[in-house]
Amino acid sequence: MSAVCCSSTPSRSIDGNTNGGKNQNSCVESSNAGVNWYSIDIYTSINITVFRIYGRTDCCWDVTAEYSIYAGNDVSVSGMFTDNDLCVAPVAGRFIGPAGPVDFVCHQLTLARKIIFKVDNKGFRMCEFQISSSDCPYCPSDSISPAGSITNTACQCNTG
C-alpha cells in the first residue's frame, strides 16, 4: 500500500467484513495526495474474472473516484503499472459509493497473482476487495476467514 491514513490497516480490505462504516474497523484509507495504490498478492496465479469492491457507506465515497485496477504476475513496485494488465480503466465521475458492492469484469481473461487498485491524485476508501475466478468462485456470504488472515489458501472458504 502506498500510504495508510487515519489509523487504518491494509488487511481490513480482505478480512471478510463488508461493513462500510469507518468505526466498524473494516475499511482501509490512504492519504489524499499523489498516486495511491493498494495491492493484493494471492501468491498463486489464477484466472481473474470479476473484482467486487465494497466502499464506505457512512461518508466520503466520492473520494475514491476515477480509479483503475491492474492484474498480473509482476510483484515488484517498479513494474506494477507497466508490466501488469489494465483490467479496469479509470472513468471520470465513477466512484465506489454507498449503494452496495460494485462488480467489475476484467476486460480480458487475466492469469494473475497480483491485483493493484490505483487512484491518481486522490485518496481511496475501501472496505472489502474480493476476487472471483473461474478457478475459485466467491466464498458464501456466511463464511469468514480467521482473524488476521490475509490469504485464501487453495481457494477454500473458511465457514464460520
C-alpha atoms as a PDB file:
ATOM      1  CA  MET A   1       0.000   0.000   0.000  1.00  0.00           C
ATOM      2  CA  SER A   2       1.362   3.415  -0.897  1.00  0.00           C
ATOM      3  CA  ALA A   3       0.304   5.395   2.199  1.00  0.00           C
ATOM      4  CA  VAL A   4      -2.011   4.413   5.054  1.00  0.00           C
ATOM      5  CA  CYS A   5      -4.155   7.091   6.641  1.00  0.00           C
ATOM      6  CA  CYS A   6      -6.314   7.515   9.693  1.00  0.00           C
ATOM      7  CA  SER A   7      -5.178   4.501  11.763  1.00  0.00           C
ATOM      8  CA  SER A   8      -6.433   2.008   9.191  1.00  0.00           C
ATOM      9  CA  THR A   9      -4.617  -1.223   8.353  1.00  0.00           C
ATOM     10  CA  PRO A  10      -4.365  -2.730   4.845  1.00  0.00           C
ATOM     11  CA  SER A  11      -5.621  -6.173   5.914  1.00  0.00           C
ATOM     12  CA  ARG A  12      -9.059  -4.706   6.647  1.00  0.00           C
ATOM     13  CA  SER A  13      -9.977  -4.786   2.964  1.00  0.00           C
ATOM     14  CA  ILE A  14      -9.575  -8.564   2.753  1.00  0.00           C
ATOM     15  CA  ASP A  15     -10.859  -9.658   6.168  1.00  0.00           C
ATOM     16  CA  GLY A  16     -14.355 -10.728   5.054  1.00  0.00           C
ATOM     17  CA  ASN A  17     -16.026  -7.785   6.823  1.00  0.00           C
ATOM     18  CA  THR A  18     -18.071  -5.840   4.244  1.00  0.00           C
ATOM     19  CA  ASN A  19     -19.422  -3.286   6.748  1.00  0.00           C
ATOM     20  CA  GLY A  20     -18.943   0.159   5.181  1.00  0.00           C
ATOM     21  CA  GLY A  21     -18.705   2.167   8.403  1.00  0.00           C
ATOM     22  CA  LYS A  22     -15.287   3.544   9.324  1.00  0.00           C
ATOM     23  CA  ASN A  23     -15.907   2.991  13.027  1.00  0.00           C
ATOM     24  CA  GLN A  24     -16.546  -0.709  12.388  1.00  0.00           C
ATOM     25  CA  ASN A  25     -12.809  -1.321  11.770  1.00  0.00           C
ATOM     26  CA  SER A  26     -13.483  -2.739   8.330  1.00  0.00           C
ATOM     27  CA  CYS A  27     -12.132  -0.057   5.956  1.00  0.00           C
ATOM     28  CA  VAL A  28      -8.696   0.977   4.736  1.00  0.00           C
ATOM     29  CA  GLU A  29      -7.839   4.567   3.793  1.00  0.00           C
ATOM     30  CA  SER A  30      -4.947   6.235   2.022  1.00  0.00           C
ATOM     31  CA  SER A  31      -3.644   9.775   2.014  1.00  0.00           C
ATOM     32  CA  ASN A  32      -5.228  12.224  -0.436  1.00  0.00           C
ATOM     33  CA  ALA A  33      -2.184  13.213  -2.499  1.00  0.00           C
ATOM     34  CA  GLY A  34      -0.087  11.717  -5.278  1.00  0.00           C
ATOM     35  CA  VAL A  35      -0.552   8.253  -6.754  1.00  0.00           C
ATOM     36  CA  ASN A  36      -2.187   5.971  -4.210  1.00  0.00           C
ATOM     37  CA  TRP A  37      -2.262   2.234  -4.686  1.00  0.00           C
ATOM     38  CA  TYR A  38      -3.226  -0.859  -2.797  1.00  0.00           C
ATOM     39  CA  SER A  39      -2.023  -4.284  -3.906  1.00  0.00           C
ATOM     40  CA  ILE A  40      -3.074  -7.796  -3.040  1.00  0.00           C
ATOM     41  CA  ASP A  41      -0.756 -10.745  -3.627  1.00  0.00           C
ATOM     42  CA  ILE A  42      -2.658 -14.039  -3.719  1.00  0.00           C
ATOM     43  CA  TYR A  43       0.631 -15.982  -4.034  1.00  0.00           C
ATOM     44  CA  THR A  44      -0.556 -18.160  -6.912  1.00  0.00           C
ATOM     45  CA  SER A  45      -1.705 -17.274 -10.419  1.00  0.00           C
ATOM     46  CA  ILE A  46      -5.426 -17.760 -11.068  1.00  0.00           C
ATOM     47  CA  ASN A  47      -7.772 -16.685 -13.861  1.00  0.00           C
ATOM     48  CA  ILE A  48      -9.233 -13.376 -12.664  1.00  0.00           C
ATOM     49  CA  THR A  49     -12.740 -12.756 -13.977  1.00  0.00           C
ATOM     50  CA  VAL A  50     -14.510 -10.350 -11.597  1.00  0.00           C
ATOM     51  CA  PHE A  51     -13.483  -7.866  -8.906  1.00  0.00           C
ATOM     52  CA  ARG A  52     -16.044  -6.961  -6.205  1.00  0.00           C
ATOM     53  CA  ILE A  53     -15.402  -3.825  -4.177  1.00  0.00           C
ATOM     54  CA  TYR A  54     -17.266  -2.596  -1.109  1.00  0.00           C
ATOM     55  CA  GLY A  55     -16.863   1.096  -0.302  1.00  0.00           C
ATOM     56  CA  ARG A  56     -17.661   3.364   2.603  1.00  0.00           C
ATOM     57  CA  THR A  57     -21.351   3.746   3.367  1.00  0.00           C
ATOM     58  CA  ASP A  58     -21.172   6.434   6.058  1.00  0.00           C
ATOM     59  CA  CYS A  59     -19.342   9.194   4.123  1.00  0.00           C
ATOM     60  CA  CYS A  60     -16.510  10.058   1.769  1.00  0.00           C
ATOM     61  CA  TRP A  61     -17.480   7.690  -1.085  1.00  0.00           C
ATOM     62  CA  ASP A  62     -16.738  10.391  -3.665  1.00  0.00           C
ATOM     63  CA  VAL A  63     -13.069  10.468  -2.591  1.00  0.00           C
ATOM     64  CA  THR A  64     -12.423   7.152  -4.336  1.00  0.00           C
ATOM     65  CA  ALA A  65     -13.061   8.305  -7.891  1.00  0.00           C
ATOM     66  CA  GLU A  66     -11.520   7.630 -11.275  1.00  0.00           C
ATOM     67  CA  TYR A  67      -9.685   4.540 -10.072  1.00  0.00           C
ATOM     68  CA  SER A  68      -8.166   1.752 -12.118  1.00  0.00           C
ATOM     69  CA  ILE A  69      -7.418  -1.910 -11.411  1.00  0.00           C
ATOM     70  CA  TYR A  70      -4.404  -3.832 -12.695  1.00  0.00           C
ATOM     71  CA  ALA A  71      -3.757  -7.567 -12.545  1.00  0.00           C
ATOM     72  CA  GLY A  72      -0.746  -9.680 -13.441  1.00  0.00           C
ATOM     73  CA  ASN A  73       2.277 -11.527 -12.180  1.00  0.00           C
ATOM     74  CA  ASP A  74       4.803  -8.720 -11.689  1.00  0.00           C
ATOM     75  CA  VAL A  75       5.001  -8.339  -7.916  1.00  0.00           C
ATOM     76  CA  SER A  76       7.582  -5.525  -7.986  1.00  0.00           C
ATOM     77  CA  VAL A  77       6.647  -1.943  -7.152  1.00  0.00           C
ATOM     78  CA  SER A  78       8.559  -0.702 -10.216  1.00  0.00           C
ATOM     79  CA  GLY A  79       6.567  -2.869 -12.650  1.00  0.00           C
ATOM     80  CA  MET A  80       3.110  -2.927 -11.106  1.00  0.00           C
ATOM     81  CA  PHE A  81       1.579  -0.425 -13.588  1.00  0.00           C
ATOM     82  CA  THR A  82       3.737  -1.182 -16.624  1.00  0.00           C
ATOM     83  CA  ASP A  83       4.130  -4.962 -16.584  1.00  0.00           C
ATOM     84  CA  ASN A  84       0.631  -5.967 -15.392  1.00  0.00           C
ATOM     85  CA  ASP A  85      -2.628  -5.802 -17.383  1.00  0.00           C
ATOM     86  CA  LEU A  86      -5.034  -2.893 -17.025  1.00  0.00           C
ATOM     87  CA  CYS A  87      -8.298  -4.674 -16.236  1.00  0.00           C
ATOM     88  CA  VAL A  88     -10.475  -1.717 -15.224  1.00  0.00           C
ATOM     89  CA  ALA A  89      -9.651   1.642 -16.803  1.00  0.00           C
ATOM     90  CA  PRO A  90     -10.341   4.911 -14.967  1.00  0.00           C
ATOM     91  CA  VAL A  91     -13.633   6.644 -15.789  1.00  0.00           C
ATOM     92  CA  ALA A  92     -14.331  10.276 -14.858  1.00  0.00           C
ATOM     93  CA  GLY A  93     -17.038  10.579 -12.218  1.00  0.00           C
ATOM     94  CA  ARG A  94     -17.083   6.869 -11.301  1.00  0.00           C
ATOM     95  CA  PHE A  95     -16.665   6.177  -7.612  1.00  0.00           C
ATOM     96  CA  ILE A  96     -17.314   3.430  -5.091  1.00  0.00           C
ATOM     97  CA  GLY A  97     -20.489   4.535  -3.368  1.00  0.00           C
ATOM     98  CA  PRO A  98     -22.827   3.567  -0.562  1.00  0.00           C
ATOM     99  CA  ALA A  99     -25.266   1.630  -2.771  1.00  0.00           C
ATOM    100  CA  GLY A 100     -23.547  -1.688  -2.142  1.00  0.00           C
ATOM    101  CA  PRO A 101     -20.750  -3.649  -3.763  1.00  0.00           C
ATOM    102  CA  VAL A 102     -19.554  -2.791  -7.248  1.00  0.00           C
ATOM    103  CA  ASP A 103     -18.586  -5.632  -9.589  1.00  0.00           C
ATOM    104  CA  PHE A 104     -16.086  -5.181 -12.414  1.00  0.00           C
ATOM    105  CA  VAL A 105     -15.348  -7.659 -15.145  1.00  0.00           C
ATOM    106  CA  CYS A 106     -11.746  -7.802 -16.231  1.00  0.00           C
ATOM    107  CA  HIS A 107     -11.551  -6.713 -19.908  1.00  0.00           C
ATOM    108  CA  GLN A 108      -9.639  -9.850 -20.780  1.00  0.00           C
ATOM    109  CA  LEU A 109      -9.180 -13.154 -19.025  1.00  0.00           C
ATOM    110  CA  THR A 110      -6.095 -12.493 -16.933  1.00  0.00           C
ATOM    111  CA  LEU A 111      -3.904 -15.079 -15.259  1.00  0.00           C
ATOM    112  CA  ALA A 112      -2.643 -13.167 -12.232  1.00  0.00           C
ATOM    113  CA  ARG A 113      -1.325 -13.434  -8.708  1.00  0.00           C
ATOM    114  CA  LYS A 114      -1.180  -9.679  -8.007  1.00  0.00           C
ATOM    115  CA  ILE A 115      -4.082  -7.204  -8.099  1.00  0.00           C
ATOM    116  CA  ILE A 116      -3.456  -3.468  -7.785  1.00  0.00           C
ATOM    117  CA  PHE A 117      -6.093  -0.808  -7.109  1.00  0.00           C
ATOM    118  CA  LYS A 118      -4.834   2.655  -8.153  1.00  0.00           C
ATOM    119  CA  VAL A 119      -6.134   6.208  -7.682  1.00  0.00           C
ATOM    120  CA  ASP A 120      -4.282   9.241  -9.084  1.00  0.00           C
ATOM    121  CA  ASN A 121      -4.119  12.464  -7.053  1.00  0.00           C
ATOM    122  CA  LYS A 122      -6.858  11.403  -4.658  1.00  0.00           C
ATOM    123  CA  GLY A 123      -7.172   9.116  -1.713  1.00  0.00           C
ATOM    124  CA  PHE A 124      -9.161   5.949  -1.569  1.00  0.00           C
ATOM    125  CA  ARG A 125     -11.547   4.386   0.875  1.00  0.00           C
ATOM    126  CA  MET A 126     -12.196   0.668   0.528  1.00  0.00           C
ATOM    127  CA  CYS A 127     -13.943  -1.674   2.950  1.00  0.00           C
ATOM    128  CA  GLU A 128     -13.659  -5.030   1.185  1.00  0.00           C
ATOM    129  CA  PHE A 129     -11.981  -6.245  -2.007  1.00  0.00           C
ATOM    130  CA  GLN A 130     -12.980  -9.655  -3.373  1.00  0.00           C
ATOM    131  CA  ILE A 131     -11.826 -11.573  -6.427  1.00  0.00           C
ATOM    132  CA  SER A 132     -13.835 -14.052  -8.434  1.00  0.00           C
ATOM    133  CA  SER A 133     -12.231 -16.568 -10.733  1.00  0.00           C
ATOM    134  CA  SER A 134     -13.228 -19.445 -12.939  1.00  0.00           C
ATOM    135  CA  ASP A 135     -10.743 -21.307 -10.719  1.00  0.00           C
ATOM    136  CA  CYS A 136     -12.238 -20.130  -7.384  1.00  0.00           C
ATOM    137  CA  PRO A 137     -15.808 -18.804  -7.028  1.00  0.00           C
ATOM    138  CA  TYR A 138     -16.804 -16.292  -4.325  1.00  0.00           C
ATOM    139  CA  CYS A 139     -16.983 -17.617  -0.802  1.00  0.00           C
ATOM    140  CA  PRO A 140     -20.527 -17.879   0.610  1.00  0.00           C
ATOM    141  CA  SER A 141     -21.735 -14.735   2.353  1.00  0.00           C
ATOM    142  CA  ASP A 142     -21.897 -16.528   5.698  1.00  0.00           C
ATOM    143  CA  SER A 143     -18.240 -17.598   5.611  1.00  0.00           C
ATOM    144  CA  ILE A 144     -15.372 -15.746   7.245  1.00  0.00           C
ATOM    145  CA  SER A 145     -11.629 -16.058   7.424  1.00  0.00           C
ATOM    146  CA  PRO A 146      -9.788 -16.362  10.737  1.00  0.00           C
ATOM    147  CA  ALA A 147      -8.771 -13.105  12.418  1.00  0.00           C
ATOM    148  CA  GLY A 148      -5.512 -11.835  10.951  1.00  0.00           C
ATOM    149  CA  SER A 149      -5.817 -13.978   7.819  1.00  0.00           C
ATOM    150  CA  ILE A 150      -4.689 -12.212   4.642  1.00  0.00           C
ATOM    151  CA  THR A 151      -4.547 -15.106   2.175  1.00  0.00           C
ATOM    152  CA  ASN A 152      -7.024 -17.576   0.728  1.00  0.00           C
ATOM    153  CA  THR A 153      -5.208 -20.901   0.554  1.00  0.00           C
ATOM    154  CA  ALA A 154      -6.129 -23.269  -2.281  1.00  0.00           C
ATOM    155  CA  CYS A 155      -9.342 -21.310  -2.999  1.00  0.00           C
ATOM    156  CA  GLN A 156     -11.096 -22.642   0.084  1.00  0.00           C
ATOM    157  CA  CYS A 157     -13.584 -20.670   2.129  1.00  0.00           C
ATOM    158  CA  ASN A 158     -13.486 -20.826   5.895  1.00  0.00           C
ATOM    159  CA  THR A 159     -17.045 -21.248   7.131  1.00  0.00           C
ATOM    160  CA  GLY A 160     -17.743 -19.533  10.239  1.00  0.00           C
END
